[in-house]
PDB file of N, CA and C in Angstrom:
ATOM      1  N   MET A   1    -131.435  51.077  59.022  1.00  0.00           N
ATOM      2  CA  MET A   1    -131.376  49.902  59.861  1.00  0.00           C
ATOM      3  C   MET A   1    -132.798  49.385  60.041  1.00  0.00           C
ATOM      4  N   LYS A   2    -132.914  48.065  60.024  1.00  0.00           N
ATOM      5  CA  LYS A   2    -134.193  47.411  60.250  1.00  0.00           C
ATOM      6  C   LYS A   2    -133.995  46.341  61.317  1.00  0.00           C
ATOM      7  N   ILE A   3    -135.003  46.220  62.169  1.00  0.00           N
ATOM      8  CA  ILE A   3    -134.987  45.167  63.176  1.00  0.00           C
ATOM      9  C   ILE A   3    -136.219  44.311  62.943  1.00  0.00           C
ATOM     10  N   LYS A   4    -135.991  42.997  62.735  1.00  0.00           N
ATOM     11  CA  LYS A   4    -137.096  42.082  62.467  1.00  0.00           C
ATOM     12  C   LYS A   4    -137.074  40.948  63.486  1.00  0.00           C
ATOM     13  N   TYR A   5    -138.278  40.494  63.847  1.00  0.00           N
ATOM     14  CA  TYR A   5    -138.400  39.360  64.762  1.00  0.00           C
ATOM     15  C   TYR A   5    -139.313  38.320  64.135  1.00  0.00           C
ATOM     16  N   SER A   6    -138.869  37.080  64.131  1.00  0.00           N
ATOM     17  CA  SER A   6    -139.680  35.962  63.674  1.00  0.00           C
ATOM     18  C   SER A   6    -140.069  35.131  64.889  1.00  0.00           C
ATOM     19  N   ALA A   7    -141.362  35.162  65.230  1.00  0.00           N
ATOM     20  CA  ALA A   7    -141.839  34.381  66.372  1.00  0.00           C
ATOM     21  C   ALA A   7    -141.730  32.884  66.086  1.00  0.00           C
ATOM     22  N   ASP A   8    -141.959  32.489  64.833  1.00  0.00           N
ATOM     23  CA  ASP A   8    -141.873  31.069  64.474  1.00  0.00           C
ATOM     24  C   ASP A   8    -140.475  30.511  64.712  1.00  0.00           C
ATOM     25  N   ALA A   9    -139.453  31.277  64.345  1.00  0.00           N
ATOM     26  CA  ALA A   9    -138.069  30.826  64.488  1.00  0.00           C
ATOM     27  C   ALA A   9    -137.427  31.333  65.774  1.00  0.00           C
ATOM     28  N   ASP A  10    -138.089  32.287  66.460  1.00  0.00           N
ATOM     29  CA  ASP A  10    -137.553  32.941  67.664  1.00  0.00           C
ATOM     30  C   ASP A  10    -136.175  33.549  67.380  1.00  0.00           C
ATOM     31  N   VAL A  11    -136.130  34.341  66.303  1.00  0.00           N
ATOM     32  CA  VAL A  11    -134.891  34.953  65.846  1.00  0.00           C
ATOM     33  C   VAL A  11    -135.099  36.448  65.661  1.00  0.00           C
ATOM     34  N   VAL A  12    -134.133  37.241  66.137  1.00  0.00           N
ATOM     35  CA  VAL A  12    -134.101  38.676  65.866  1.00  0.00           C
ATOM     36  C   VAL A  12    -132.992  38.912  64.851  1.00  0.00           C
ATOM     37  N   ILE A  13    -133.307  39.661  63.796  1.00  0.00           N
ATOM     38  CA  ILE A  13    -132.312  40.046  62.804  1.00  0.00           C
ATOM     39  C   ILE A  13    -132.249  41.560  62.773  1.00  0.00           C
ATOM     40  N   ILE A  14    -131.051  42.081  62.984  1.00  0.00           N
ATOM     41  CA  ILE A  14    -130.811  43.519  62.928  1.00  0.00           C
ATOM     42  C   ILE A  14    -130.043  43.784  61.643  1.00  0.00           C
ATOM     43  N   GLU A  15    -130.724  44.347  60.644  1.00  0.00           N
ATOM     44  CA  GLU A  15    -130.088  44.662  59.368  1.00  0.00           C
ATOM     45  C   GLU A  15    -129.434  46.030  59.477  1.00  0.00           C
ATOM     46  N   LEU A  16    -128.132  46.082  59.279  1.00  0.00           N
ATOM     47  CA  LEU A  16    -127.392  47.323  59.419  1.00  0.00           C
ATOM     48  C   LEU A  16    -127.322  48.111  58.122  1.00  0.00           C
ATOM     49  N   ASN A  17    -127.360  47.419  56.984  1.00  0.00           N
ATOM     50  CA  ASN A  17    -127.323  48.064  55.670  1.00  0.00           C
ATOM     51  C   ASN A  17    -127.851  47.090  54.629  1.00  0.00           C
ATOM     52  N   ASN A  18    -127.821  47.493  53.369  1.00  0.00           N
ATOM     53  CA  ASN A  18    -128.365  46.659  52.292  1.00  0.00           C
ATOM     54  C   ASN A  18    -127.312  45.841  51.564  1.00  0.00           C
ATOM     55  N   ASN A  19    -126.083  45.810  52.066  1.00  0.00           N
ATOM     56  CA  ASN A  19    -125.031  45.026  51.418  1.00  0.00           C
ATOM     57  C   ASN A  19    -125.365  43.543  51.496  1.00  0.00           C
ATOM     58  N   SER A  20    -124.804  42.778  50.580  1.00  0.00           N
ATOM     59  CA  SER A  20    -125.030  41.332  50.551  1.00  0.00           C
ATOM     60  C   SER A  20    -124.011  40.626  51.438  1.00  0.00           C
ATOM     61  N   PRO A  21    -124.482  39.795  52.342  1.00  0.00           N
ATOM     62  CA  PRO A  21    -123.534  39.055  53.178  1.00  0.00           C
ATOM     63  C   PRO A  21    -122.841  37.957  52.364  1.00  0.00           C
ATOM     64  N   VAL A  22    -121.557  37.742  52.636  1.00  0.00           N
ATOM     65  CA  VAL A  22    -120.808  36.687  51.969  1.00  0.00           C
ATOM     66  C   VAL A  22    -120.229  35.685  52.968  1.00  0.00           C
ATOM     67  N   ASP A  23    -120.268  36.032  54.243  1.00  0.00           N
ATOM     68  CA  ASP A  23    -119.707  35.151  55.265  1.00  0.00           C
ATOM     69  C   ASP A  23    -120.357  35.502  56.602  1.00  0.00           C
ATOM     70  N   SER A  24    -120.081  34.711  57.610  1.00  0.00           N
ATOM     71  CA  SER A  24    -120.601  34.997  58.940  1.00  0.00           C
ATOM     72  C   SER A  24    -119.572  34.627  59.998  1.00  0.00           C
ATOM     73  N   VAL A  25    -119.720  35.269  61.140  1.00  0.00           N
ATOM     74  CA  VAL A  25    -118.828  35.028  62.278  1.00  0.00           C
ATOM     75  C   VAL A  25    -119.707  34.755  63.493  1.00  0.00           C
ATOM     76  N   ASP A  26    -119.470  33.633  64.159  1.00  0.00           N
ATOM     77  CA  ASP A  26    -120.185  33.325  65.399  1.00  0.00           C
ATOM     78  C   ASP A  26    -119.457  34.010  66.550  1.00  0.00           C
ATOM     79  N   LEU A  27    -120.093  35.018  67.142  1.00  0.00           N
ATOM     80  CA  LEU A  27    -119.470  35.705  68.273  1.00  0.00           C
ATOM     81  C   LEU A  27    -119.522  34.857  69.524  1.00  0.00           C
ATOM     82  N   GLN A  28    -120.654  34.208  69.701  1.00  0.00           N
ATOM     83  CA  GLN A  28    -120.848  33.232  70.770  1.00  0.00           C
ATOM     84  C   GLN A  28    -122.056  32.417  70.361  1.00  0.00           C
ATOM     85  N   GLU A  29    -122.380  31.413  71.104  1.00  0.00           N
ATOM     86  CA  GLU A  29    -123.513  30.571  70.735  1.00  0.00           C
ATOM     87  C   GLU A  29    -124.779  31.415  70.630  1.00  0.00           C
ATOM     88  N   GLY A  30    -125.385  31.417  69.449  1.00  0.00           N
ATOM     89  CA  GLY A  30    -126.635  32.130  69.238  1.00  0.00           C
ATOM     90  C   GLY A  30    -126.496  33.573  68.804  1.00  0.00           C
ATOM     91  N   VAL A  31    -125.272  34.074  68.637  1.00  0.00           N
ATOM     92  CA  VAL A  31    -125.048  35.451  68.173  1.00  0.00           C
ATOM     93  C   VAL A  31    -124.143  35.394  66.946  1.00  0.00           C
ATOM     94  N   ILE A  32    -124.710  35.752  65.799  1.00  0.00           N
ATOM     95  CA  ILE A  32    -123.996  35.632  64.531  1.00  0.00           C
ATOM     96  C   ILE A  32    -123.955  36.996  63.854  1.00  0.00           C
ATOM     97  N   VAL A  33    -122.779  37.368  63.372  1.00  0.00           N
ATOM     98  CA  VAL A  33    -122.624  38.596  62.596  1.00  0.00           C
ATOM     99  C   VAL A  33    -122.352  38.188  61.159  1.00  0.00           C
ATOM    100  N   HIS A  34    -123.189  38.656  60.253  1.00  0.00           N
ATOM    101  CA  HIS A  34    -122.995  38.409  58.826  1.00  0.00           C
ATOM    102  C   HIS A  34    -122.219  39.583  58.251  1.00  0.00           C
ATOM    103  N   ILE A  35    -121.204  39.275  57.425  1.00  0.00           N
ATOM    104  CA  ILE A  35    -120.320  40.311  56.907  1.00  0.00           C
ATOM    105  C   ILE A  35    -120.322  40.328  55.381  1.00  0.00           C
ATOM    106  N   ASP A  36    -119.958  41.496  54.815  1.00  0.00           N
ATOM    107  CA  ASP A  36    -119.917  41.632  53.359  1.00  0.00           C
ATOM    108  C   ASP A  36    -118.514  41.333  52.838  1.00  0.00           C
ATOM    109  N   LYS A  37    -118.299  41.531  51.543  1.00  0.00           N
ATOM    110  CA  LYS A  37    -117.011  41.203  50.919  1.00  0.00           C
ATOM    111  C   LYS A  37    -115.859  42.042  51.470  1.00  0.00           C
ATOM    112  N   ASN A  38    -116.165  43.185  52.077  1.00  0.00           N
ATOM    113  CA  ASN A  38    -115.136  44.033  52.686  1.00  0.00           C
ATOM    114  C   ASN A  38    -114.964  43.757  54.176  1.00  0.00           C
ATOM    115  N   ARG A  39    -115.587  42.676  54.648  1.00  0.00           N
ATOM    116  CA  ARG A  39    -115.555  42.255  56.056  1.00  0.00           C
ATOM    117  C   ARG A  39    -116.231  43.255  56.991  1.00  0.00           C
ATOM    118  N   GLN A  40    -117.186  44.012  56.445  1.00  0.00           N
ATOM    119  CA  GLN A  40    -117.972  44.947  57.244  1.00  0.00           C
ATOM    120  C   GLN A  40    -119.269  44.258  57.667  1.00  0.00           C
ATOM    121  N   PRO A  41    -119.774  44.537  58.876  1.00  0.00           N
ATOM    122  CA  PRO A  41    -121.017  43.901  59.322  1.00  0.00           C
ATOM    123  C   PRO A  41    -122.215  44.338  58.480  1.00  0.00           C
ATOM    124  N   VAL A  42    -123.027  43.369  58.122  1.00  0.00           N
ATOM    125  CA  VAL A  42    -124.246  43.597  57.345  1.00  0.00           C
ATOM    126  C   VAL A  42    -125.465  43.420  58.238  1.00  0.00           C
ATOM    127  N   GLU A  43    -125.458  42.361  59.043  1.00  0.00           N
ATOM    128  CA  GLU A  43    -126.565  42.118  59.959  1.00  0.00           C
ATOM    129  C   GLU A  43    -126.095  41.305  61.157  1.00  0.00           C
ATOM    130  N   ILE A  44    -126.876  41.421  62.215  1.00  0.00           N
ATOM    131  CA  ILE A  44    -126.627  40.667  63.439  1.00  0.00           C
ATOM    132  C   ILE A  44    -127.840  39.783  63.672  1.00  0.00           C
ATOM    133  N   GLU A  45    -127.597  38.525  63.934  1.00  0.00           N
ATOM    134  CA  GLU A  45    -128.675  37.558  64.117  1.00  0.00           C
ATOM    135  C   GLU A  45    -128.607  37.003  65.539  1.00  0.00           C
ATOM    136  N   LEU A  46    -129.734  37.049  66.241  1.00  0.00           N
ATOM    137  CA  LEU A  46    -129.829  36.524  67.605  1.00  0.00           C
ATOM    138  C   LEU A  46    -130.774  35.324  67.593  1.00  0.00           C
ATOM    139  N   LEU A  47    -130.216  34.152  67.822  1.00  0.00           N
ATOM    140  CA  LEU A  47    -131.020  32.932  67.862  1.00  0.00           C
ATOM    141  C   LEU A  47    -131.599  32.752  69.261  1.00  0.00           C
ATOM    142  N   ASP A  48    -132.728  32.082  69.360  1.00  0.00           N
ATOM    143  CA  ASP A  48    -133.416  31.881  70.646  1.00  0.00           C
ATOM    144  C   ASP A  48    -133.577  33.221  71.369  1.00  0.00           C
ATOM    145  N   ALA A  49    -134.067  34.205  70.639  1.00  0.00           N
ATOM    146  CA  ALA A  49    -134.146  35.586  71.129  1.00  0.00           C
ATOM    147  C   ALA A  49    -134.965  35.720  72.408  1.00  0.00           C
ATOM    148  N   SER A  50    -136.003  34.917  72.565  1.00  0.00           N
ATOM    149  CA  SER A  50    -136.848  35.035  73.762  1.00  0.00           C
ATOM    150  C   SER A  50    -136.096  34.652  75.033  1.00  0.00           C
ATOM    151  N   LYS A  51    -134.975  33.948  74.896  1.00  0.00           N
ATOM    152  CA  LYS A  51    -134.157  33.608  76.059  1.00  0.00           C
ATOM    153  C   LYS A  51    -133.258  34.786  76.446  1.00  0.00           C
ATOM    154  N   ILE A  52    -133.061  35.729  75.514  1.00  0.00           N
ATOM    155  CA  ILE A  52    -132.199  36.886  75.748  1.00  0.00           C
ATOM    156  C   ILE A  52    -133.001  38.090  76.226  1.00  0.00           C
ATOM    157  N   THR A  53    -134.151  38.318  75.605  1.00  0.00           N
ATOM    158  CA  THR A  53    -134.972  39.479  75.929  1.00  0.00           C
ATOM    159  C   THR A  53    -136.431  39.174  75.606  1.00  0.00           C
ATOM    160  N   SER A  54    -137.315  40.057  75.999  1.00  0.00           N
ATOM    161  CA  SER A  54    -138.726  39.925  75.623  1.00  0.00           C
ATOM    162  C   SER A  54    -139.096  41.117  74.745  1.00  0.00           C
ATOM    163  N   LEU A  55    -140.119  40.968  73.965  1.00  0.00           N
ATOM    164  CA  LEU A  55    -140.537  42.063  73.078  1.00  0.00           C
ATOM    165  C   LEU A  55    -140.920  43.302  73.872  1.00  0.00           C
ATOM    166  N   GLU A  56    -141.386  43.133  75.107  1.00  0.00           N
ATOM    167  CA  GLU A  56    -141.745  44.272  75.946  1.00  0.00           C
ATOM    168  C   GLU A  56    -140.522  45.119  76.307  1.00  0.00           C
ATOM    169  N   ASP A  57    -139.331  44.496  76.283  1.00  0.00           N
ATOM    170  CA  ASP A  57    -138.099  45.205  76.647  1.00  0.00           C
ATOM    171  C   ASP A  57    -137.449  45.933  75.470  1.00  0.00           C
ATOM    172  N   VAL A  58    -137.955  45.707  74.257  1.00  0.00           N
ATOM    173  CA  VAL A  58    -137.335  46.300  73.080  1.00  0.00           C
ATOM    174  C   VAL A  58    -137.728  47.769  72.971  1.00  0.00           C
ATOM    175  N   ALA A  59    -136.720  48.620  72.840  1.00  0.00           N
ATOM    176  CA  ALA A  59    -136.937  50.057  72.664  1.00  0.00           C
ATOM    177  C   ALA A  59    -135.907  50.582  71.679  1.00  0.00           C
ATOM    178  N   PHE A  60    -136.244  51.649  70.998  1.00  0.00           N
ATOM    179  CA  PHE A  60    -135.338  52.242  70.030  1.00  0.00           C
ATOM    180  C   PHE A  60    -135.324  53.741  70.249  1.00  0.00           C
ATOM    181  N   SER A  61    -134.131  54.311  70.317  1.00  0.00           N
ATOM    182  CA  SER A  61    -134.041  55.756  70.455  1.00  0.00           C
ATOM    183  C   SER A  61    -132.843  56.258  69.666  1.00  0.00           C
ATOM    184  N   LEU A  62    -132.955  57.478  69.185  1.00  0.00           N
ATOM    185  CA  LEU A  62    -131.862  58.119  68.468  1.00  0.00           C
ATOM    186  C   LEU A  62    -131.118  59.029  69.433  1.00  0.00           C
ATOM    187  N   ILE A  63    -129.811  58.965  69.389  1.00  0.00           N
ATOM    188  CA  ILE A  63    -128.993  59.819  70.238  1.00  0.00           C
ATOM    189  C   ILE A  63    -128.685  61.089  69.452  1.00  0.00           C
ATOM    190  N   PRO A  64    -129.052  62.254  69.989  1.00  0.00           N
ATOM    191  CA  PRO A  64    -128.782  63.502  69.253  1.00  0.00           C
ATOM    192  C   PRO A  64    -127.275  63.689  69.047  1.00  0.00           C
ATOM    193  N   THR A  65    -126.921  64.214  67.890  1.00  0.00           N
ATOM    194  CA  THR A  65    -125.532  64.496  67.601  1.00  0.00           C
ATOM    195  C   THR A  65    -125.312  65.988  67.596  1.00  0.00           C
ATOM    196  N   LYS A  66    -124.104  66.392  67.898  1.00  0.00           N
ATOM    197  CA  LYS A  66    -123.769  67.804  67.876  1.00  0.00           C
ATOM    198  C   LYS A  66    -123.627  68.265  66.436  1.00  0.00           C
ATOM    199  N   ALA A  67    -124.088  69.492  66.165  1.00  0.00           N
ATOM    200  CA  ALA A  67    -123.961  70.048  64.823  1.00  0.00           C
ATOM    201  C   ALA A  67    -122.490  70.310  64.537  1.00  0.00           C
ATOM    202  N   LYS A  68    -122.079  70.003  63.310  1.00  0.00           N
ATOM    203  CA  LYS A  68    -120.687  70.237  62.925  1.00  0.00           C
ATOM    204  C   LYS A  68    -120.478  71.710  62.616  1.00  0.00           C
ATOM    205  N   ALA A  69    -119.342  72.222  63.044  1.00  0.00           N
ATOM    206  CA  ALA A  69    -119.000  73.628  62.761  1.00  0.00           C
ATOM    207  C   ALA A  69    -118.628  73.746  61.290  1.00  0.00           C
ATOM    208  N   SER A  70    -119.071  74.819  60.650  1.00  0.00           N
ATOM    209  CA  SER A  70    -118.752  74.977  59.223  1.00  0.00           C
ATOM    210  C   SER A  70    -117.624  75.922  58.994  1.00  0.00           C
TER     211      SER A  70
END
């Protein structure tokens, strides 16, 4: 996963995988999900991102998972 921010466009793009998008779905104004040929999400696009959050509020953390029993 990659998270990119363009200050010029004020857009955050969250890339979920490397699949090629073939369509998009507007969830609400300014929130777009791009989907692949299997209708799986490829990326999430947030327009006017500075109105939603500030860069100071962005944080990333991994949630530990339980080890699978063998």
